[in-house]
Amino acid sequence: MLKLQTLRKNIDSIDEHIILLLKERMDVVRRIGKLKKEQGLPFRDDKRWKESLEKKISKAKESGIDPALIKKIYESVHRHALGIEQDA
């Protein structure tokens, strides 16, 4: 049982890192949103989004992670980021 508890603590620690990285990412998104507003640029860049998602899916495949999971996660992150950009 001790091993299970240790592994669960590892997962909790990893999850904390993921949350901190997402916060850092959203901080950068806010800065991007402000720059886009200042420069009159559109918030959506479908070409960049498609290229970025394809790279993430490719990396997932190389890493042995289900690409569908990565696609779903990043689509959600992207939707949220667009909202933050527009509110910045």
Protein backbone atom coordinates (compact mmCIF):
# COMPACT_ATOMS: atom_id res chain seq x y z
CA MET A 1 0.00 0.00 0.00
CA LEU A 2 2.90 2.34 0.70
CA LYS A 3 3.94 2.21 -2.95
CA LEU A 4 0.43 3.23 -4.06
CA GLN A 5 0.46 6.19 -1.68
CA THR A 6 3.88 7.24 -2.95
CA LEU A 7 2.73 7.05 -6.56
CA ARG A 8 -0.38 9.07 -5.74
CA LYS A 9 1.79 11.72 -4.09
CA ASN A 10 3.88 11.79 -7.27
CA ILE A 11 0.73 12.41 -9.30
CA ASP A 12 -0.35 15.17 -6.92
CA SER A 13 3.05 16.83 -7.28
CA ILE A 14 2.93 16.58 -11.08
CA ASP A 15 -0.59 18.04 -11.07
CA GLU A 16 0.65 21.00 -9.03
CA HIS A 17 3.35 21.59 -11.63
CA ILE A 18 0.79 21.41 -14.44
CA ILE A 19 -1.37 24.02 -12.70
CA LEU A 20 1.59 26.34 -12.20
CA LEU A 21 2.57 25.95 -15.85
CA LEU A 22 -1.00 26.68 -16.96
CA LYS A 23 -1.00 29.82 -14.83
CA GLU A 24 2.30 30.88 -16.40
CA ARG A 25 0.86 30.16 -19.85
CA MET A 26 -2.26 32.25 -19.17
CA ASP A 27 -0.08 35.12 -17.90
CA VAL A 28 1.68 35.11 -21.28
CA VAL A 29 -1.70 34.89 -23.03
CA ARG A 30 -2.80 38.09 -21.23
CA ARG A 31 0.34 39.86 -22.44
CA ILE A 32 -0.33 38.64 -25.99
CA GLY A 33 -3.92 39.87 -25.75
CA LYS A 34 -2.75 43.35 -24.72
CA LEU A 35 -0.26 43.48 -27.58
CA LYS A 36 -2.86 42.35 -30.09
CA LYS A 37 -5.25 45.07 -28.89
CA GLU A 38 -2.54 47.73 -29.06
CA GLN A 39 -1.55 46.65 -32.56
CA GLY A 40 -5.09 46.06 -33.82
CA LEU A 41 -4.39 42.42 -34.60
CA PRO A 42 -7.09 39.74 -34.67
CA PHE A 43 -7.30 37.46 -31.66
CA ARG A 44 -7.68 34.33 -33.77
CA ASP A 45 -4.92 33.11 -36.05
CA ASP A 46 -6.32 29.88 -37.45
CA LYS A 47 -3.17 29.07 -39.44
CA ARG A 48 -0.94 29.37 -36.38
CA TRP A 49 -3.42 27.43 -34.26
CA LYS A 50 -3.55 24.56 -36.77
CA GLU A 51 0.25 24.39 -37.04
CA SER A 52 0.64 24.53 -33.25
CA LEU A 53 -1.92 21.79 -32.66
CA GLU A 54 -0.32 19.55 -35.29
CA LYS A 55 3.06 19.92 -33.53
CA LYS A 56 1.52 19.03 -30.17
CA ILE A 57 -0.22 15.98 -31.63
CA SER A 58 3.01 14.87 -33.30
CA LYS A 59 4.90 15.26 -30.01
CA ALA A 60 2.18 13.27 -28.24
CA LYS A 61 2.57 10.41 -30.73
CA GLU A 62 6.36 10.43 -30.24
CA SER A 63 5.85 10.36 -26.47
CA GLY A 64 3.34 7.50 -26.51
CA ILE A 65 0.45 9.73 -25.41
CA ASP A 66 -2.96 9.36 -27.02
CA PRO A 67 -3.15 12.19 -29.59
CA ALA A 68 -6.92 12.47 -29.04
CA LEU A 69 -6.28 13.36 -25.40
CA ILE A 70 -3.77 16.06 -26.33
CA LYS A 71 -6.12 17.43 -28.99
CA LYS A 72 -8.98 17.65 -26.49
CA ILE A 73 -6.80 19.27 -23.81
CA TYR A 74 -5.32 21.88 -26.14
CA GLU A 75 -8.63 22.71 -27.79
CA SER A 76 -9.96 23.50 -24.33
CA VAL A 77 -6.84 25.50 -23.37
CA HIS A 78 -7.04 27.40 -26.67
CA ARG A 79 -10.71 28.33 -26.21
CA HIS A 80 -9.97 29.57 -22.72
CA ALA A 81 -6.90 31.49 -23.91
CA LEU A 82 -8.88 33.27 -26.62
CA GLY A 83 -11.31 34.49 -23.96
CA ILE A 84 -8.44 35.77 -21.82
CA GLU A 85 -6.84 37.53 -24.81
CA GLN A 86 -10.08 39.32 -25.61
CA ASP A 87 -10.52 40.42 -21.99
CA ALA A 88 -6.94 41.66 -21.61
